[in-house]
C-alpha atoms as a PDB file:
ATOM      1  CA  UNK A   1      -5.285 -11.455  -0.005  1.00  0.00           C
ATOM      2  CA  UNK A   2      -6.686  -9.625   3.032  1.00  0.00           C
ATOM      3  CA  UNK A   3      -6.270  -5.832   3.239  1.00  0.00           C
ATOM      4  CA  UNK A   4      -3.926  -6.210   6.228  1.00  0.00           C
ATOM      5  CA  UNK A   5      -1.675  -8.696   4.427  1.00  0.00           C
ATOM      6  CA  UNK A   6      -1.724  -6.492   1.336  1.00  0.00           C
ATOM      7  CA  UNK A   7      -0.612  -3.498   3.441  1.00  0.00           C
ATOM      8  CA  UNK A   8       2.175  -5.518   5.082  1.00  0.00           C
ATOM      9  CA  UNK A   9       3.384  -6.696   1.673  1.00  0.00           C
ATOM     10  CA  UNK A  10       3.280  -3.107   0.395  1.00  0.00           C
ATOM     11  CA  UNK A  11       5.414  -1.989   3.372  1.00  0.00           C
ATOM     12  CA  UNK A  12       7.981  -4.678   2.501  1.00  0.00           C
ATOM     13  CA  UNK A  13       8.044  -3.645  -1.149  1.00  0.00           C
ATOM     14  CA  UNK A  14       8.452   0.028  -0.188  1.00  0.00           C
ATOM     15  CA  UNK A  15      11.486  -0.753   1.968  1.00  0.00           C
ATOM     16  CA  UNK A  16      13.060  -2.926  -0.711  1.00  0.00           C
ATOM     17  CA  UNK A  17      12.426  -0.270  -3.360  1.00  0.00           C
ATOM     18  CA  UNK A  18      13.743   2.667  -1.272  1.00  0.00           C
ATOM     19  CA  UNK A  19      16.845   1.010   0.225  1.00  0.00           C
ATOM     20  CA  UNK A  20      19.585   0.045  -2.241  1.00  0.00           C
ATOM     21  CA  UNK A  21      21.117  -2.229   0.429  1.00  0.00           C
ATOM     22  CA  UNK A  22      18.004  -4.445   0.638  1.00  0.00           C
ATOM     23  CA  UNK A  23      18.624  -7.744  -1.107  1.00  0.00           C
ATOM     24  CA  UNK A  24      15.317  -9.545  -0.626  1.00  0.00           C
ATOM     25  CA  UNK A  25      11.863  -9.197   0.864  1.00  0.00           C
ATOM     26  CA  UNK A  26      12.784 -11.907   3.368  1.00  0.00           C
ATOM     27  CA  UNK A  27      15.780  -9.871   4.566  1.00  0.00           C
ATOM     28  CA  UNK A  28      13.591  -6.768   4.909  1.00  0.00           C
ATOM     29  CA  UNK A  29      10.928  -8.734   6.824  1.00  0.00           C
ATOM     30  CA  UNK A  30      13.346 -10.068   9.436  1.00  0.00           C
ATOM     31  CA  UNK A  31      16.038  -7.376   9.692  1.00  0.00           C
ATOM     32  CA  UNK A  32      14.479  -3.924   9.179  1.00  0.00           C
ATOM     33  CA  UNK A  33      13.334  -2.236  12.415  1.00  0.00           C
ATOM     34  CA  UNK A  34      11.637   0.551  10.446  1.00  0.00           C
ATOM     35  CA  UNK A  35       9.350  -2.009   8.844  1.00  0.00           C
ATOM     36  CA  UNK A  36       8.719  -3.686  12.207  1.00  0.00           C
ATOM     37  CA  UNK A  37       7.804  -0.307  13.737  1.00  0.00           C
ATOM     38  CA  UNK A  38       5.360   0.455  10.909  1.00  0.00           C
ATOM     39  CA  UNK A  39       3.763  -2.979  11.282  1.00  0.00           C
ATOM     40  CA  UNK A  40       3.454  -2.512  15.052  1.00  0.00           C
ATOM     41  CA  UNK A  41       1.938   0.908  14.447  1.00  0.00           C
ATOM     42  CA  UNK A  42      -0.627  -0.495  12.003  1.00  0.00           C
ATOM     43  CA  UNK A  43      -1.846  -2.986  14.627  1.00  0.00           C
ATOM     44  CA  UNK A  44      -1.787  -0.407  17.460  1.00  0.00           C
ATOM     45  CA  UNK A  45      -3.618   2.146  15.295  1.00  0.00           C
ATOM     46  CA  UNK A  46      -6.392  -0.362  14.542  1.00  0.00           C
ATOM     47  CA  UNK A  47      -6.707  -0.926  18.291  1.00  0.00           C
ATOM     48  CA  UNK A  48      -6.611   2.831  19.010  1.00  0.00           C
ATOM     49  CA  UNK A  49      -9.779   3.362  16.971  1.00  0.00           C
ATOM     50  CA  UNK A  50     -11.675   1.343  19.608  1.00  0.00           C
ATOM     51  CA  UNK A  51     -11.849   3.479  22.786  1.00  0.00           C
ATOM     52  CA  UNK A  52     -11.738   0.410  25.051  1.00  0.00           C
ATOM     53  CA  UNK A  53      -8.464  -0.686  23.417  1.00  0.00           C
ATOM     54  CA  UNK A  54      -6.557   2.606  23.722  1.00  0.00           C
ATOM     55  CA  UNK A  55      -4.503   1.552  26.739  1.00  0.00           C
ATOM     56  CA  UNK A  56      -3.477  -1.783  25.158  1.00  0.00           C
ATOM     57  CA  UNK A  57      -2.650   0.141  21.950  1.00  0.00           C
ATOM     58  CA  UNK A  58      -0.329   2.467  23.895  1.00  0.00           C
ATOM     59  CA  UNK A  59       1.282  -0.490  25.630  1.00  0.00           C
ATOM     60  CA  UNK A  60       1.869  -2.218  22.298  1.00  0.00           C
ATOM     61  CA  UNK A  61       3.407   0.971  20.877  1.00  0.00           C
ATOM     62  CA  UNK A  62       5.780   1.106  23.866  1.00  0.00           C
ATOM     63  CA  UNK A  63       6.851  -2.504  23.331  1.00  0.00           C
ATOM     64  CA  UNK A  64       7.517  -1.713  19.665  1.00  0.00           C
ATOM     65  CA  UNK A  65       9.517   1.345  20.757  1.00  0.00           C
ATOM     66  CA  UNK A  66      11.599  -0.758  23.156  1.00  0.00           C
ATOM     67  CA  UNK A  67      12.343  -3.303  20.432  1.00  0.00           C
ATOM     68  CA  UNK A  68      12.970  -0.935  17.489  1.00  0.00           C
ATOM     69  CA  UNK A  69      13.969   2.423  18.985  1.00  0.00           C
ATOM     70  CA  UNK A  70      11.162   4.006  16.955  1.00  0.00           C
ATOM     71  CA  UNK A  71       8.183   5.652  18.656  1.00  0.00           C
ATOM     72  CA  UNK A  72       4.973   6.072  16.676  1.00  0.00           C
ATOM     73  CA  UNK A  73       1.925   7.090  18.687  1.00  0.00           C
ATOM     74  CA  UNK A  74      -1.018   4.830  17.786  1.00  0.00           C
ATOM     75  CA  UNK A  75      -3.212   7.908  17.295  1.00  0.00           C
ATOM     76  CA  UNK A  76      -1.048   9.211  14.440  1.00  0.00           C
ATOM     77  CA  UNK A  77      -2.391   8.750  10.921  1.00  0.00           C
ATOM     78  CA  UNK A  78       0.087   7.199   8.514  1.00  0.00           C
ATOM     79  CA  UNK A  79      -0.487   6.593   4.831  1.00  0.00           C
ATOM     80  CA  UNK A  80       0.718   3.805   2.605  1.00  0.00           C
ATOM     81  CA  UNK A  81       4.297   2.714   2.004  1.00  0.00           C
ATOM     82  CA  UNK A  82       6.022   4.670   4.772  1.00  0.00           C
ATOM     83  CA  UNK A  83       9.700   3.729   4.904  1.00  0.00           C
ATOM     84  CA  UNK A  84      11.776   4.496   7.994  1.00  0.00           C
ATOM     85  CA  UNK A  85      15.448   4.072   7.068  1.00  0.00           C
ATOM     86  CA  UNK A  86      17.739   2.996   9.939  1.00  0.00           C
ATOM     87  CA  UNK A  87      15.046   4.271  12.283  1.00  0.00           C
ATOM     88  CA  UNK A  88      16.674   4.653  15.676  1.00  0.00           C
ATOM     89  CA  UNK A  89      15.315   7.705  17.454  1.00  0.00           C
ATOM     90  CA  UNK A  90      12.401   8.428  15.108  1.00  0.00           C
ATOM     91  CA  UNK A  91       9.404   9.959  16.915  1.00  0.00           C
ATOM     92  CA  UNK A  92       5.932  10.476  15.420  1.00  0.00           C
ATOM     93  CA  UNK A  93       3.479  12.306  17.673  1.00  0.00           C
ATOM     94  CA  UNK A  94      -0.186  11.574  18.314  1.00  0.00           C
ATOM     95  CA  UNK A  95      -1.734  14.130  15.951  1.00  0.00           C
ATOM     96  CA  UNK A  96       0.841  13.735  13.172  1.00  0.00           C
ATOM     97  CA  UNK A  97      -0.467  12.869   9.727  1.00  0.00           C
ATOM     98  CA  UNK A  98       1.833  11.260   7.170  1.00  0.00           C
ATOM     99  CA  UNK A  99       0.957  10.901   3.489  1.00  0.00           C
ATOM    100  CA  UNK A 100       1.833   8.092   1.098  1.00  0.00           C
ATOM    101  CA  UNK A 101       5.378   7.133   0.029  1.00  0.00           C
ATOM    102  CA  UNK A 102       7.079   9.159   2.773  1.00  0.00           C
ATOM    103  CA  UNK A 103      10.700   8.515   3.791  1.00  0.00           C
ATOM    104  CA  UNK A 104      11.870   9.241   7.353  1.00  0.00           C
ATOM    105  CA  UNK A 105      15.541   8.908   8.263  1.00  0.00           C
ATOM    106  CA  UNK A 106      16.927   8.073  11.708  1.00  0.00           C
ATOM    107  CA  UNK A 107      16.582  10.600  14.488  1.00  0.00           C
ATOM    108  CA  UNK A 108      13.805  12.531  12.783  1.00  0.00           C
ATOM    109  CA  UNK A 109      10.944  13.916  14.865  1.00  0.00           C
ATOM    110  CA  UNK A 110       7.398  14.840  13.937  1.00  0.00           C
ATOM    111  CA  UNK A 111       6.724  16.559  17.239  1.00  0.00           C
ATOM    112  CA  UNK A 112       4.723  19.218  18.991  1.00  0.00           C
ATOM    113  CA  UNK A 113       5.562  22.695  20.254  1.00  0.00           C
ATOM    114  CA  UNK A 114       2.861  22.871  22.917  1.00  0.00           C
ATOM    115  CA  UNK A 115       1.222  20.670  25.510  1.00  0.00           C
ATOM    116  CA  UNK A 116      -2.305  21.777  24.558  1.00  0.00           C
ATOM    117  CA  UNK A 117      -4.962  19.351  23.377  1.00  0.00           C
ATOM    118  CA  UNK A 118      -5.871  19.301  19.701  1.00  0.00           C
ATOM    119  CA  UNK A 119      -3.770  19.293  16.537  1.00  0.00           C
ATOM    120  CA  UNK A 120      -0.183  19.894  17.649  1.00  0.00           C
ATOM    121  CA  UNK A 121       1.961  17.768  15.318  1.00  0.00           C
ATOM    122  CA  UNK A 122       2.915  18.124  11.626  1.00  0.00           C
ATOM    123  CA  UNK A 123       1.048  16.997   8.541  1.00  0.00           C
ATOM    124  CA  UNK A 124       3.208  15.585   5.745  1.00  0.00           C
ATOM    125  CA  UNK A 125       1.992  15.334   2.174  1.00  0.00           C
ATOM    126  CA  UNK A 126       2.869  12.544  -0.246  1.00  0.00           C
ATOM    127  CA  UNK A 127       6.458  11.656  -1.235  1.00  0.00           C
ATOM    128  CA  UNK A 128       8.014  13.810   1.506  1.00  0.00           C
ATOM    129  CA  UNK A 129      11.594  13.101   2.638  1.00  0.00           C
ATOM    130  CA  UNK A 130      12.622  13.994   6.199  1.00  0.00           C
ATOM    131  CA  UNK A 131      16.416  13.891   6.651  1.00  0.00           C
ATOM    132  CA  UNK A 132      18.364  12.365   9.521  1.00  0.00           C
ATOM    133  CA  UNK A 133      17.992  14.270  12.767  1.00  0.00           C
ATOM    134  CA  UNK A 134      15.454  16.734  11.361  1.00  0.00           C
ATOM    135  CA  UNK A 135      12.825  18.133  13.690  1.00  0.00           C
ATOM    136  CA  UNK A 136       9.457  19.145  12.257  1.00  0.00           C
ATOM    137  CA  UNK A 137       7.565  20.791  15.098  1.00  0.00           C
ATOM    138  CA  UNK A 138       4.018  21.975  15.571  1.00  0.00           C
ATOM    139  CA  UNK A 139       0.920  21.777  13.378  1.00  0.00           C
ATOM    140  CA  UNK A 140       2.811  22.711  10.211  1.00  0.00           C
ATOM    141  CA  UNK A 141       2.136  21.461   6.693  1.00  0.00           C
ATOM    142  CA  UNK A 142       4.950  19.881   4.675  1.00  0.00           C
ATOM    143  CA  UNK A 143       3.760  19.840   1.071  1.00  0.00           C
ATOM    144  CA  UNK A 144       3.846  17.005  -1.448  1.00  0.00           C
ATOM    145  CA  UNK A 145       7.344  16.184  -2.765  1.00  0.00           C
ATOM    146  CA  UNK A 146       9.029  18.478  -0.211  1.00  0.00           C
ATOM    147  CA  UNK A 147      12.379  17.621   1.362  1.00  0.00           C
ATOM    148  CA  UNK A 148      13.655  18.496   4.825  1.00  0.00           C
ATOM    149  CA  UNK A 149      17.441  18.412   5.148  1.00  0.00           C
ATOM    150  CA  UNK A 150      19.301  16.559   7.853  1.00  0.00           C
ATOM    151  CA  UNK A 151      19.245  18.294  11.239  1.00  0.00           C
ATOM    152  CA  UNK A 152      16.897  21.035  10.017  1.00  0.00           C
ATOM    153  CA  UNK A 153      14.398  22.482  12.470  1.00  0.00           C
ATOM    154  CA  UNK A 154      11.116  23.252  10.710  1.00  0.00           C
ATOM    155  CA  UNK A 155       8.503  25.367  12.499  1.00  0.00           C
ATOM    156  CA  UNK A 156       6.731  26.875   9.461  1.00  0.00           C
ATOM    157  CA  UNK A 157       4.882  25.371   6.490  1.00  0.00           C
ATOM    158  CA  UNK A 158       6.947  24.067   3.567  1.00  0.00           C
ATOM    159  CA  UNK A 159       5.354  24.404   0.101  1.00  0.00           C
ATOM    160  CA  UNK A 160       4.976  21.515  -2.344  1.00  0.00           C
ATOM    161  CA  UNK A 161       8.301  20.549  -3.889  1.00  0.00           C
ATOM    162  CA  UNK A 162      10.351  22.905  -1.713  1.00  0.00           C
ATOM    163  CA  UNK A 163      13.493  22.142   0.266  1.00  0.00           C
ATOM    164  CA  UNK A 164      13.847  23.166   3.939  1.00  0.00           C
ATOM    165  CA  UNK A 165      17.366  23.329   5.394  1.00  0.00           C
ATOM    166  CA  UNK A 166      19.073  24.829   8.420  1.00  0.00           C
ATOM    167  CA  UNK A 167      18.250  25.934  11.950  1.00  0.00           C
ATOM    168  CA  UNK A 168      15.765  27.480  11.810  1.00  0.00           C
ATOM    169  CA  UNK A 169      14.886  26.020   8.446  1.00  0.00           C
ATOM    170  CA  UNK A 170      15.054  28.273   5.413  1.00  0.00           C
ATOM    171  CA  UNK A 171      12.780  27.387   2.503  1.00  0.00           C
ATOM    172  CA  UNK A 172      14.191  27.028  -1.000  1.00  0.00           C
ATOM    173  CA  UNK A 173      11.687  26.734  -3.822  1.00  0.00           C
ATOM    174  CA  UNK A 174      12.922  25.282  -7.086  1.00  0.00           C
ATOM    175  CA  UNK A 175      10.988  26.249 -10.184  1.00  0.00           C
ATOM    176  CA  UNK A 176       9.598  23.442 -12.295  1.00  0.00           C
ATOM    177  CA  UNK A 177      11.564  24.715 -15.288  1.00  0.00           C
ATOM    178  CA  UNK A 178      14.870  24.277 -13.461  1.00  0.00           C
ATOM    179  CA  UNK A 179      16.358  20.785 -13.708  1.00  0.00           C
ATOM    180  CA  UNK A 180      17.376  19.062 -10.469  1.00  0.00           C
ATOM    181  CA  UNK A 181      21.015  19.852  -9.716  1.00  0.00           C
ATOM    182  CA  UNK A 182      22.565  17.726  -6.980  1.00  0.00           C
ATOM    183  CA  UNK A 183      25.152  20.460  -6.280  1.00  0.00           C
ATOM    184  CA  UNK A 184      22.373  22.963  -5.524  1.00  0.00           C
ATOM    185  CA  UNK A 185      19.165  21.067  -4.734  1.00  0.00           C
ATOM    186  CA  UNK A 186      20.309  18.188  -2.528  1.00  0.00           C
ATOM    187  CA  UNK A 187      19.433  19.163   1.072  1.00  0.00           C
ATOM    188  CA  UNK A 188      22.337  17.066   2.400  1.00  0.00           C
ATOM    189  CA  UNK A 189      24.873  19.584   1.077  1.00  0.00           C
ATOM    190  CA  UNK A 190      23.652  22.237   3.516  1.00  0.00           C
ATOM    191  CA  UNK A 191      24.686  20.300   6.613  1.00  0.00           C
END
């Protein structure tokens, strides 16, 4: 199997694994705009790496945005198995970097705080969860296994395994010795 087909299959599997409503890979392939946006991004990103193809890459990304409601700049760097759940309104800026096994919910933004050239968008580690409507702004680092609660506004780094909630986001660090407690550690309860 070619590397591209393997990546597309992996994206399907990630969506099926992360979404309890997904019934089959076929359903995910034809009915999940988050998967379609990631696939469009993967093609546009490959084009973006060739300077002569940057304009066509941007045009493709805009077509994907019009079809899915999800905007991923072709210059962004996205790891393996990204799953965008529901998707509408998701924005990923040009200098954003997204690790492996990341979950983005609808309305989330990986955006900039300035109009300067250079690194201006967030970097997400592996297994990060960004809640619905959350805004992660500027060249901040969101550590591995961190969670950002719905509607949070994050403008500072978030350590590995921490939870960021609120406006502006407050960081909660859970010790490894403490077991996960949904009544305390689920970022959704702070909305």
